[in-house]
Protein backbone atom coordinates (compact mmCIF):
# COMPACT_ATOMS: atom_id res chain seq x y z
CA MET A 1 -12.44 -53.54 24.28
CA ASN A 2 -13.78 -54.65 27.23
CA PRO A 3 -10.84 -54.95 29.61
CA ASN A 4 -12.09 -57.63 31.53
CA ALA A 5 -13.00 -59.67 28.65
CA ALA A 6 -11.52 -62.92 27.91
CA PRO A 7 -8.56 -62.41 25.26
CA TYR A 8 -9.72 -63.49 21.54
CA VAL A 9 -7.85 -66.56 20.07
CA PRO A 10 -8.35 -66.19 16.71
CA ALA A 11 -8.98 -70.00 15.30
CA ALA A 12 -7.29 -69.06 12.06
CA THR A 13 -4.29 -66.58 10.78
CA SER A 14 -6.36 -66.17 7.44
CA PRO A 15 -6.76 -62.09 7.80
CA SER A 16 -10.40 -62.54 5.91
CA ASP A 17 -11.69 -64.65 9.15
CA PHE A 18 -11.33 -62.06 11.65
CA PRO A 19 -13.97 -60.08 12.93
CA ARG A 20 -12.05 -56.61 12.89
CA ARG A 21 -10.14 -55.93 9.63
CA VAL A 22 -8.34 -52.94 9.22
CA LEU A 23 -6.84 -51.10 6.38
CA LEU A 24 -4.23 -48.87 7.20
CA ALA A 25 -2.58 -46.47 4.72
CA VAL A 26 -0.42 -43.67 3.94
CA SER A 27 -1.34 -40.61 1.37
CA GLY A 28 0.11 -37.78 0.38
CA LEU A 29 -1.82 -35.53 -2.40
CA THR A 30 -3.17 -38.63 -3.81
CA PRO A 31 -6.10 -40.16 -1.63
CA GLN A 32 -7.16 -42.58 -4.40
CA ILE A 33 -4.88 -45.10 -3.28
CA VAL A 34 -7.50 -45.77 -0.24
CA THR A 35 -10.07 -46.78 -2.89
CA GLU A 36 -7.93 -48.29 -5.59
CA THR A 37 -6.45 -50.91 -2.31
CA ILE A 38 -9.98 -51.57 -1.07
CA TYR A 39 -10.98 -52.17 -4.55
CA ALA A 40 -8.34 -54.65 -5.06
CA LEU A 41 -8.90 -56.30 -1.73
CA ALA A 42 -12.07 -57.07 -2.36
CA ALA A 43 -11.70 -58.16 -5.83
CA ASP A 44 -8.88 -60.32 -4.63
CA GLU A 45 -9.61 -63.96 -6.55
CA TYR A 46 -8.23 -66.38 -4.01
CA ALA A 47 -8.31 -64.29 -0.76
CA PRO A 48 -10.63 -61.42 -0.59
CA PHE A 49 -9.92 -59.22 2.38
CA ILE A 50 -13.24 -56.39 3.04
CA PRO A 51 -12.22 -54.33 5.84
CA THR A 52 -14.17 -53.20 8.53
CA GLU A 53 -12.92 -49.99 9.05
CA VAL A 54 -10.26 -48.00 7.19
CA HIS A 55 -7.49 -45.52 8.80
CA LEU A 56 -5.32 -43.13 6.73
CA ILE A 57 -2.20 -41.46 7.93
CA THR A 58 -1.57 -38.32 5.77
CA SER A 59 -0.50 -34.66 6.04
CA ALA A 60 -2.65 -31.51 6.71
CA GLU A 61 -3.54 -31.03 3.21
CA GLY A 62 -3.99 -34.61 2.32
CA ALA A 63 -6.50 -34.99 4.60
CA ARG A 64 -8.49 -32.10 3.14
CA ARG A 65 -8.16 -33.41 -0.39
CA ALA A 66 -9.20 -36.98 1.19
CA GLU A 67 -12.43 -35.60 2.86
CA LEU A 68 -13.43 -33.72 -0.16
CA SER A 69 -12.79 -36.33 -3.00
CA LEU A 70 -13.64 -39.86 -0.57
CA LEU A 71 -15.96 -38.57 1.52
CA SER A 72 -18.05 -35.37 0.66
CA ASP A 73 -21.49 -35.29 -0.88
CA ASP A 74 -20.68 -34.01 -4.41
CA LEU A 75 -17.79 -36.25 -5.16
CA GLY A 76 -17.65 -39.05 -2.40
CA TRP A 77 -15.69 -41.71 -4.39
CA PHE A 78 -15.14 -43.93 -1.37
CA HIS A 79 -19.29 -44.05 -0.94
CA LYS A 80 -19.41 -44.77 -4.46
CA LEU A 81 -17.03 -47.82 -4.24
CA CYS A 82 -19.05 -49.11 -1.46
CA ALA A 83 -22.46 -48.98 -3.57
CA ASP A 84 -20.96 -50.16 -6.82
CA TYR A 85 -19.60 -52.99 -5.00
CA HIS A 86 -22.01 -53.69 -2.62
CA LEU A 87 -19.37 -53.41 0.37
CA PRO A 88 -22.16 -52.59 3.17
CA GLY A 89 -20.16 -51.98 6.55
CA VAL A 90 -16.97 -50.67 5.68
CA ARG A 91 -16.16 -47.55 8.54
CA PHE A 92 -14.31 -44.45 7.05
CA ASP A 93 -15.01 -40.92 7.84
CA SER A 94 -12.73 -38.27 8.76
CA SER A 95 -12.21 -39.61 12.57
CA HIS A 96 -10.06 -42.58 10.65
CA ILE A 97 -7.97 -39.63 8.84
CA HIS A 98 -5.02 -39.11 10.72
CA VAL A 99 -3.06 -36.12 10.45
CA MET A 100 0.73 -36.77 11.47
CA ARG A 101 2.23 -33.69 14.07
CA ASP A 102 5.44 -32.62 14.38
CA ALA A 103 7.76 -32.20 17.32
CA HIS A 104 5.53 -29.61 18.23
CA GLY A 105 2.68 -31.03 18.24
CA GLN A 106 1.18 -29.22 14.88
CA PRO A 107 -0.52 -30.74 12.00
CA MET A 108 2.42 -31.48 9.66
CA ASN A 109 1.78 -30.71 5.87
CA ASP A 110 5.25 -32.08 4.74
CA ILE A 111 8.15 -33.77 5.79
CA ARG A 112 11.05 -31.10 6.03
CA SER A 113 13.11 -31.83 8.54
CA PRO A 114 15.16 -34.02 10.78
CA SER A 115 12.49 -33.59 13.95
CA ASP A 116 9.42 -33.95 11.03
CA ASN A 117 11.17 -37.05 9.72
CA GLN A 118 11.37 -38.43 13.43
CA ALA A 119 7.77 -37.08 14.27
CA ALA A 120 6.40 -38.86 11.05
CA ALA A 121 8.02 -42.10 12.28
CA ASP A 122 7.06 -41.99 15.43
CA PHE A 123 3.13 -41.37 14.59
CA ILE A 124 3.14 -44.08 12.36
CA THR A 125 4.69 -46.44 14.56
CA ALA A 126 2.00 -45.25 17.22
CA GLN A 127 -0.99 -46.38 14.89
CA VAL A 128 0.49 -49.35 14.08
CA ARG A 129 1.28 -50.81 17.37
CA ALA A 130 -2.33 -49.28 18.50
CA ILE A 131 -4.12 -51.48 16.00
CA THR A 132 -2.04 -54.69 16.68
CA ALA A 133 -2.47 -54.44 20.13
CA ASP A 134 -6.07 -55.66 19.39
CA PRO A 135 -5.90 -59.44 18.98
CA ALA A 136 -9.28 -59.91 17.40
CA CYS A 137 -7.77 -57.34 14.56
CA ALA A 138 -6.53 -58.21 11.35
CA LEU A 139 -4.41 -55.43 9.84
CA HIS A 140 -3.69 -54.65 5.99
CA ALA A 141 -1.25 -51.70 5.72
CA SER A 142 -0.57 -50.28 2.10
CA ILE A 143 2.43 -48.35 1.45
CA ALA A 144 1.35 -47.15 -1.93
CA GLY A 145 1.06 -43.82 -1.37
CA GLY A 146 2.46 -40.53 0.38
CA ARG A 147 6.24 -39.39 1.11
CA LYS A 148 9.10 -42.49 0.58
CA THR A 149 9.61 -42.07 3.73
CA MET A 150 5.94 -42.88 5.24
CA GLY A 151 5.94 -45.93 3.21
CA TYR A 152 8.90 -47.01 4.48
CA TYR A 153 7.81 -46.46 8.25
CA LEU A 154 4.52 -47.95 7.73
CA GLY A 155 6.46 -51.14 6.03
CA TYR A 156 8.84 -51.06 8.96
CA ALA A 157 6.21 -50.32 11.64
CA LEU A 158 4.51 -53.49 10.54
CA SER A 159 7.80 -55.72 10.61
CA LEU A 160 8.25 -54.63 14.26
CA TYR A 161 4.55 -54.98 15.63
CA GLY A 162 3.05 -57.57 12.55
CA ARG A 163 1.78 -60.63 13.42
CA ALA A 164 0.97 -63.73 11.15
CA GLN A 165 -2.77 -62.50 10.26
CA ASP A 166 -1.29 -59.11 9.20
CA ARG A 167 0.23 -58.05 5.54
CA LEU A 168 1.40 -55.51 3.40
CA SER A 169 1.12 -54.36 0.04
CA HIS A 170 1.15 -51.87 -2.62
CA VAL A 171 -1.24 -51.02 -5.14
CA LEU A 172 -0.86 -51.31 -8.88
CA VAL A 173 -2.88 -49.38 -11.42
CA SER A 174 -2.60 -50.00 -15.38
CA GLU A 175 -1.98 -47.07 -17.75
CA PRO A 176 -2.90 -44.65 -18.35
CA PHE A 177 -4.68 -44.66 -15.20
CA GLU A 178 -2.12 -44.31 -12.81
CA SER A 179 -1.16 -40.81 -13.25
CA SER A 180 -5.07 -39.61 -13.18
CA TYR A 181 -6.12 -37.36 -10.72
CA ASP A 182 -9.21 -38.26 -11.49
CA PHE A 183 -9.38 -42.20 -11.33
CA PHE A 184 -10.43 -43.83 -8.19
CA TYR A 185 -11.39 -47.84 -9.20
CA PRO A 186 -12.08 -49.66 -11.70
CA THR A 187 -16.15 -48.85 -12.09
CA PRO A 188 -18.59 -51.43 -12.98
CA TYR A 189 -20.08 -49.26 -15.80
CA SER A 190 -18.46 -47.33 -18.39
CA ARG A 191 -17.14 -43.86 -17.30
CA VAL A 192 -15.21 -41.85 -19.75
CA LEU A 193 -12.73 -39.69 -18.21
CA GLN A 194 -9.38 -37.20 -19.74
CA THR A 195 -6.03 -38.54 -18.35
CA ARG A 196 -3.16 -36.12 -17.41
CA ASP A 197 -1.56 -36.15 -21.09
CA GLY A 198 -5.18 -35.52 -22.69
CA GLN A 199 -6.12 -38.71 -23.39
CA LEU A 200 -9.57 -40.37 -23.08
CA ALA A 201 -9.84 -43.77 -20.76
CA ASP A 202 -12.63 -45.55 -19.96
CA THR A 203 -12.29 -46.11 -16.08
CA ALA A 204 -14.35 -49.95 -16.75
CA MET A 205 -11.30 -51.16 -18.50
CA ALA A 206 -8.60 -50.26 -15.61
CA GLN A 207 -6.37 -52.99 -13.73
CA VAL A 208 -5.36 -52.73 -10.54
CA THR A 209 -4.02 -55.22 -8.60
CA LEU A 210 -2.20 -55.51 -5.29
CA ALA A 211 1.59 -56.53 -4.74
CA ASP A 212 2.21 -58.54 -1.63
CA ILE A 213 5.11 -57.58 0.15
CA PRO A 214 6.45 -60.13 2.47
CA PHE A 215 7.81 -58.81 6.00
CA VAL A 216 9.70 -60.63 8.80
CA SER A 217 7.96 -59.97 12.22
CA LEU A 218 10.47 -58.83 14.69
CA ARG A 219 7.46 -58.39 17.28
CA HIS A 220 8.74 -61.89 19.40
CA GLY A 221 11.87 -59.52 20.39
CA LEU A 222 10.01 -56.73 21.81
CA PRO A 223 9.95 -56.32 25.32
CA THR A 224 6.42 -56.26 26.91
CA ALA A 225 6.58 -52.79 27.90
CA LEU A 226 6.75 -51.43 24.40
CA LEU A 227 4.15 -53.55 23.36
CA ALA A 228 1.79 -52.50 25.90
CA GLY A 229 2.91 -48.84 26.54
CA ARG A 230 3.95 -45.96 24.38
CA ALA A 231 7.63 -45.99 22.49
CA SER A 232 9.35 -43.95 19.77
CA PHE A 233 10.50 -45.85 16.29
CA ASN A 234 13.77 -45.55 17.71
CA ASP A 235 13.20 -47.08 20.96
CA ALA A 236 11.34 -49.81 19.19
CA VAL A 237 14.37 -50.67 16.63
CA ALA A 238 16.83 -50.38 19.55
CA ALA A 239 14.90 -52.66 21.40
CA VAL A 240 14.73 -55.41 18.81
CA ARG A 241 18.49 -55.04 18.02
CA ALA A 242 19.44 -55.35 21.60
CA ALA A 243 17.50 -58.50 21.42
CA LEU A 244 18.91 -59.85 18.36
CA ALA A 245 22.60 -58.90 19.82
CA PRO A 246 24.86 -61.51 21.32
CA ALA A 247 23.56 -62.03 24.71
CA GLN A 248 25.39 -59.43 27.16
CA LEU A 249 24.74 -59.09 30.89
CA THR A 250 26.19 -56.26 32.79
CA ILE A 251 25.04 -56.07 36.24
CA ASP A 252 26.05 -52.55 38.40
CA LEU A 253 25.51 -53.66 42.23
CA ALA A 254 25.80 -49.93 43.65
CA ARG A 255 22.62 -48.58 41.45
CA GLN A 256 20.90 -51.71 41.82
CA ARG A 257 20.22 -52.41 38.24
CA ILE A 258 20.98 -54.65 35.21
CA ILE A 259 22.30 -54.03 31.68
CA ALA A 260 20.57 -56.73 29.35
CA ALA A 261 19.55 -57.05 25.90
CA GLY A 262 20.63 -53.67 25.52
CA ARG A 263 18.13 -52.29 28.19
CA GLU A 264 18.63 -51.02 31.59
CA VAL A 265 16.58 -52.89 34.43
CA ALA A 266 16.26 -51.88 37.72
CA LEU A 267 16.39 -54.38 40.60
CA PRO A 268 15.32 -54.91 43.92
CA PRO A 269 18.36 -55.97 46.31
CA ALA A 270 16.28 -59.07 47.05
CA GLU A 271 16.14 -60.12 43.32
CA LEU A 272 19.50 -58.74 42.22
CA ALA A 273 21.27 -60.69 45.30
CA LEU A 274 19.91 -64.08 43.78
CA LEU A 275 21.14 -63.14 40.10
CA ALA A 276 24.32 -61.73 41.93
CA VAL A 277 24.66 -65.34 43.20
CA PHE A 278 24.73 -67.23 39.67
CA ALA A 279 26.33 -64.70 37.76
CA ARG A 280 29.21 -64.42 39.91
CA ARG A 281 29.43 -68.20 39.70
CA THR A 282 29.44 -68.37 36.11
CA LEU A 283 32.10 -65.85 36.02
CA GLN A 284 34.44 -67.86 38.25
CA GLY A 285 33.22 -71.38 36.39
CA HIS A 286 31.64 -72.70 39.48
CA GLU A 287 29.02 -75.76 38.45
CA SER A 288 25.51 -75.54 38.95
CA LEU A 289 23.42 -75.39 41.77
CA PRO A 290 20.69 -77.22 43.45
CA ALA A 291 17.85 -75.50 45.41
CA PRO A 292 17.41 -75.59 48.69
CA THR A 293 14.55 -78.36 49.73
CA LYS A 294 11.14 -76.64 50.20
CA GLY A 295 10.32 -76.75 54.27
CA VAL A 296 13.95 -77.49 54.70
CA PRO A 297 15.99 -74.28 55.75
CA ASP A 298 19.68 -74.38 53.94
CA ALA A 299 22.19 -72.25 56.26
CA ILE A 300 24.98 -72.71 53.42
CA TRP A 301 22.29 -71.02 50.78
CA ALA A 302 21.36 -68.25 53.53
CA LYS A 303 24.78 -67.62 53.92
CA ARG A 304 25.65 -67.10 50.18
CA TYR A 305 22.69 -65.25 49.46
CA LEU A 306 23.07 -63.08 52.43
CA GLY A 307 26.46 -62.60 51.50
CA GLU A 308 25.06 -60.93 48.16
CA TYR A 309 22.33 -58.43 49.51
CA ARG A 310 24.59 -57.16 52.21
CA HIS A 311 27.24 -56.47 49.42
CA ILE A 312 24.10 -55.04 47.38
CA THR A 313 23.18 -52.69 50.48
CA GLY A 314 25.75 -51.74 52.13
CA THR A 315 26.34 -52.45 55.76
CA LEU A 316 24.36 -49.38 57.13
CA ALA A 317 21.41 -50.73 55.47
CA ASP A 318 18.37 -52.22 57.99
CA ILE A 319 18.33 -55.84 56.58
CA GLU A 320 16.91 -57.17 59.81
CA SER A 321 13.67 -58.64 58.29
CA THR A 322 15.99 -60.34 55.68
CA GLU A 323 18.63 -62.04 58.38
CA ARG A 324 15.55 -62.95 60.48
CA ALA A 325 13.33 -64.57 57.44
CA LEU A 326 16.97 -66.41 56.59
CA ARG A 327 18.29 -66.85 60.42
CA ASP A 328 18.15 -70.95 60.21
CA GLY A 329 18.54 -70.61 56.82
CA MET A 330 16.93 -70.71 53.25
CA ASP A 331 14.39 -73.04 52.21
CA GLY A 332 13.25 -74.01 48.83
CA GLU A 333 9.95 -71.57 48.82
CA TYR A 334 11.84 -68.53 50.06
CA PHE A 335 14.22 -69.23 46.87
CA SER A 336 10.79 -70.10 44.84
CA GLN A 337 9.42 -66.76 45.45
CA ARG A 338 12.66 -64.39 45.07
CA LYS A 339 13.34 -66.58 41.46
CA SER A 340 9.67 -66.08 40.29
CA LYS A 341 9.79 -61.84 40.97
CA LEU A 342 13.10 -62.07 39.10
CA ASP A 343 11.85 -63.89 36.65
CA LYS A 344 8.57 -61.75 36.05
CA ARG A 345 10.76 -58.54 36.10
CA LEU A 346 13.21 -59.66 33.22
CA LYS A 347 10.01 -60.92 31.54
CA THR A 348 8.73 -57.09 31.77
CA ALA A 349 11.54 -55.32 30.93
CA LEU A 350 12.90 -57.88 28.09
CA GLY A 351 10.27 -59.64 26.62
CA PRO A 352 11.25 -62.76 24.95
CA ALA A 353 14.63 -61.77 25.44
CA ALA A 354 14.46 -62.42 29.04
CA GLU A 355 14.88 -66.42 28.32
CA THR A 356 18.45 -65.96 28.23
CA TYR A 357 19.13 -63.68 31.38
CA ARG A 358 16.70 -66.22 33.39
CA ILE A 359 18.35 -68.56 36.10
CA HIS A 360 17.47 -72.12 34.35
CA ASP A 361 16.89 -75.50 36.41
CA GLY A 362 18.52 -77.49 33.50
CA GLY A 363 15.57 -79.21 32.38
CA LYS A 364 16.03 -82.29 34.19
CA ARG A 365 15.89 -83.88 37.39
CA PRO A 366 17.35 -83.48 40.07
CA ARG A 367 17.02 -79.67 39.08
CA ARG A 368 20.37 -77.56 39.28
CA TYR A 369 20.46 -74.08 38.68
CA ALA A 370 22.90 -71.46 36.43
CA LEU A 371 22.86 -69.06 34.38
CA THR A 372 22.83 -70.47 30.81
CA LEU A 373 25.59 -67.47 29.38
CA LYS A 374 29.31 -67.63 28.86
CA PRO A 375 31.59 -66.70 31.17
CA ASP A 376 32.64 -63.87 29.00
CA ALA A 377 29.25 -62.27 28.40
CA VAL A 378 29.09 -61.26 32.30
CA ARG A 379 30.32 -58.41 33.91
CA PHE A 380 29.99 -56.89 37.15
CA VAL A 381 30.61 -53.53 37.66
CA SER A 382 30.60 -50.52 40.61
CA ASP A 383 31.78 -53.42 42.78
CA VAL A 384 34.31 -53.57 45.11
CA ALA A 385 36.32 -56.56 45.89
CA PHE A 386 34.22 -59.58 46.96
CA LYS A 387 34.93 -62.89 47.07
CA GLU A 388 32.34 -65.80 47.53
CA ASP A 389 33.66 -68.45 49.66
CA ILE A 390 31.09 -70.95 49.25
């Protein structure tokens, strides 16, 4: 994608309306779930979804089987499916087969240890996060194949990062084809195969459908940093848990940081001082404050702010530039700049959860500013005696 291009804003959330449509599946030793799922998606009478690309997450042995059975010249069941049902433009090749890596970066053949389990979770989560970062894409995730833990992690990752246009499903295959390694999709012509119990069956008679699995999207609770960057499965889960937990703000002036929504956020003294002003007033049960007027220096506001600023930086710190800027008082422009920078840092670190910890203006005129947290949700640590006398 062009990083300078305007973001794509879909006109609707119907998955089939999106220009990029991705099927993401997990599998172990049964790669046929890929063709079965593509068939079921395309054959849906009410909401057909033809992927523009297919991605498969699997083990080292699973990748070998998928390439031989789905993509090889001899078998090539993926190519046969596309030809049989006239599905042009579905991109799927060996580069779309993603082999899970263990904690040492080696291809994984199975999930056999706690470290393998964690590595698989992180690998699957990274794939889902990358795909859902594209607003022009609709993702359909299938949990039909692979270890149960792989399906669980794929479903949970979609719950963490999924959007309105994304879907989750499990493919259902009628008997006796479900357990047959030689079945890949219902053919539009007669093809007789032998099932595992020795019976003969015609693949034209098979029925393959999808069971749609509703999921709750928790994406709104993830900080911007976790949506855009790399994060482990555990980090993403912890971020959502913290965002949904009761609000708690801890201010650590000595370390110039806060802990909010369960996350540690470093703040420069200039922004931390403003937050500390309002946090201390919340603790002391004081009323909300009007902001200083723009262009009119306010000596009381300057004294209030500088008191916190000196408390954070210490008596030996060089704060001459700050004191000089506020020599005649703090005006509304200075207040707005500090508040805007504080809001930006909170938003970047906490995502939507930042709203709870922002300094709010009351929503009506005249504007009066305060934290909306309750006193028992705010605390200071590493804080020597301090008295706000204003």
